Amino acid sequence: MIYSTRTEIVELIRLIQSGEGGSKELKTLERATGNPNVWIFFDVLELEGMSPDKIFDLLCGNNEISTL
C-alpha cells in the first residue's frame, strides 16, 4: 500500500507511535516522507502523548504529500 494523503500518513504514524506498527510501517513512512532516517524521530524524540498530526507536521513541514 502506498500512503500518499495526510490522513493515511497520520494513521501510519499513529501505528508506529503506539507500537502497533513494525519495520514494514516504518519503511513505508520513510518512503512516504522521503526521509530514510525517519526512525530517529521515534528513537530520539519524546513523542509519547504528542498527536500524530503534530508529528506529521514535524516530519513534513505542514506540506501535503504528493502522490508517490
C-alpha atoms as a PDB file:
ATOM      1  CA  MET A   1       0.000   0.000   0.000  1.00  0.00           C
ATOM      2  CA  ILE A   2       1.253   3.473  -0.831  1.00  0.00           C
ATOM      3  CA  TYR A   3       0.454   6.199   1.661  1.00  0.00           C
ATOM      4  CA  SER A   4       0.008   9.491  -0.101  1.00  0.00           C
ATOM      5  CA  THR A   5      -2.504  11.529   1.859  1.00  0.00           C
ATOM      6  CA  ARG A   6      -2.064  13.293   5.145  1.00  0.00           C
ATOM      7  CA  THR A   7      -4.747  11.125   6.731  1.00  0.00           C
ATOM      8  CA  GLU A   8      -3.054   7.896   5.652  1.00  0.00           C
ATOM      9  CA  ILE A   9       0.368   9.041   6.827  1.00  0.00           C
ATOM     10  CA  VAL A  10      -1.016  10.278  10.161  1.00  0.00           C
ATOM     11  CA  GLU A  11      -2.570   6.836  10.674  1.00  0.00           C
ATOM     12  CA  LEU A  12       0.757   5.222   9.854  1.00  0.00           C
ATOM     13  CA  ILE A  13       2.475   7.492  12.394  1.00  0.00           C
ATOM     14  CA  ARG A  14      -0.168   6.563  14.977  1.00  0.00           C
ATOM     15  CA  LEU A  15       0.524   2.860  14.418  1.00  0.00           C
ATOM     16  CA  ILE A  16       4.272   3.318  14.813  1.00  0.00           C
ATOM     17  CA  GLN A  17       3.930   5.625  17.809  1.00  0.00           C
ATOM     18  CA  SER A  18       1.614   3.216  19.626  1.00  0.00           C
ATOM     19  CA  GLY A  19       3.842   0.214  18.965  1.00  0.00           C
ATOM     20  CA  GLU A  20       1.287  -1.459  16.687  1.00  0.00           C
ATOM     21  CA  GLY A  21       3.423  -0.792  13.616  1.00  0.00           C
ATOM     22  CA  GLY A  22       6.698  -2.526  12.935  1.00  0.00           C
ATOM     23  CA  SER A  23       9.567  -2.251  10.496  1.00  0.00           C
ATOM     24  CA  LYS A  24       7.236  -2.564   7.494  1.00  0.00           C
ATOM     25  CA  GLU A  25       5.269   0.516   8.571  1.00  0.00           C
ATOM     26  CA  LEU A  26       8.465   2.400   9.368  1.00  0.00           C
ATOM     27  CA  LYS A  27       9.882   1.651   5.897  1.00  0.00           C
ATOM     28  CA  THR A  28       6.602   2.783   4.328  1.00  0.00           C
ATOM     29  CA  LEU A  29       6.766   6.037   6.322  1.00  0.00           C
ATOM     30  CA  GLU A  30      10.363   6.553   5.170  1.00  0.00           C
ATOM     31  CA  ARG A  31       9.264   6.212   1.524  1.00  0.00           C
ATOM     32  CA  ALA A  32       6.198   8.419   2.015  1.00  0.00           C
ATOM     33  CA  THR A  33       8.166  11.252   3.633  1.00  0.00           C
ATOM     34  CA  GLY A  34      11.331  10.846   1.577  1.00  0.00           C
ATOM     35  CA  ASN A  35      13.333  10.657   4.803  1.00  0.00           C
ATOM     36  CA  PRO A  36      15.377   7.448   5.100  1.00  0.00           C
ATOM     37  CA  ASN A  37      16.213   8.275   8.721  1.00  0.00           C
ATOM     38  CA  VAL A  38      12.685   8.866   9.981  1.00  0.00           C
ATOM     39  CA  TRP A  39      13.185   6.182  12.665  1.00  0.00           C
ATOM     40  CA  ILE A  40      15.377   8.697  14.510  1.00  0.00           C
ATOM     41  CA  PHE A  41      12.274  10.779  15.279  1.00  0.00           C
ATOM     42  CA  PHE A  42      10.777   7.825  17.122  1.00  0.00           C
ATOM     43  CA  ASP A  43      14.003   6.752  18.865  1.00  0.00           C
ATOM     44  CA  VAL A  44      15.371  10.141  19.923  1.00  0.00           C
ATOM     45  CA  LEU A  45      12.434  12.487  20.386  1.00  0.00           C
ATOM     46  CA  GLU A  46       9.916  12.150  23.183  1.00  0.00           C
ATOM     47  CA  LEU A  47       6.787  11.536  21.107  1.00  0.00           C
ATOM     48  CA  GLU A  48       4.579   9.882  23.710  1.00  0.00           C
ATOM     49  CA  GLY A  49       1.479  11.963  24.148  1.00  0.00           C
ATOM     50  CA  MET A  50       2.180  14.023  21.027  1.00  0.00           C
ATOM     51  CA  SER A  51      -0.599  13.854  18.478  1.00  0.00           C
ATOM     52  CA  PRO A  52       0.186  12.018  15.226  1.00  0.00           C
ATOM     53  CA  ASP A  53      -0.916  15.180  13.353  1.00  0.00           C
ATOM     54  CA  LYS A  54       1.803  17.184  15.126  1.00  0.00           C
ATOM     55  CA  ILE A  55       4.389  14.506  14.305  1.00  0.00           C
ATOM     56  CA  PHE A  56       3.283  14.691  10.663  1.00  0.00           C
ATOM     57  CA  ASP A  57       3.866  18.458  10.732  1.00  0.00           C
ATOM     58  CA  LEU A  58       7.360  17.912  12.175  1.00  0.00           C
ATOM     59  CA  LEU A  59       8.209  15.353   9.503  1.00  0.00           C
ATOM     60  CA  CYS A  60       6.624  17.081   6.544  1.00  0.00           C
ATOM     61  CA  GLY A  61       6.710  20.765   7.442  1.00  0.00           C
ATOM     62  CA  ASN A  62       2.929  21.218   7.146  1.00  0.00           C
ATOM     63  CA  ASN A  63       3.132  20.241   3.479  1.00  0.00           C
ATOM     64  CA  GLU A  64       0.737  17.864   1.826  1.00  0.00           C
ATOM     65  CA  ILE A  65       2.428  14.770   0.443  1.00  0.00           C
ATOM     66  CA  SER A  66       2.048  14.423  -3.301  1.00  0.00           C
ATOM     67  CA  THR A  67       1.051  11.130  -4.867  1.00  0.00           C
ATOM     68  CA  LEU A  68       4.007   8.776  -4.759  1.00  0.00           C
END
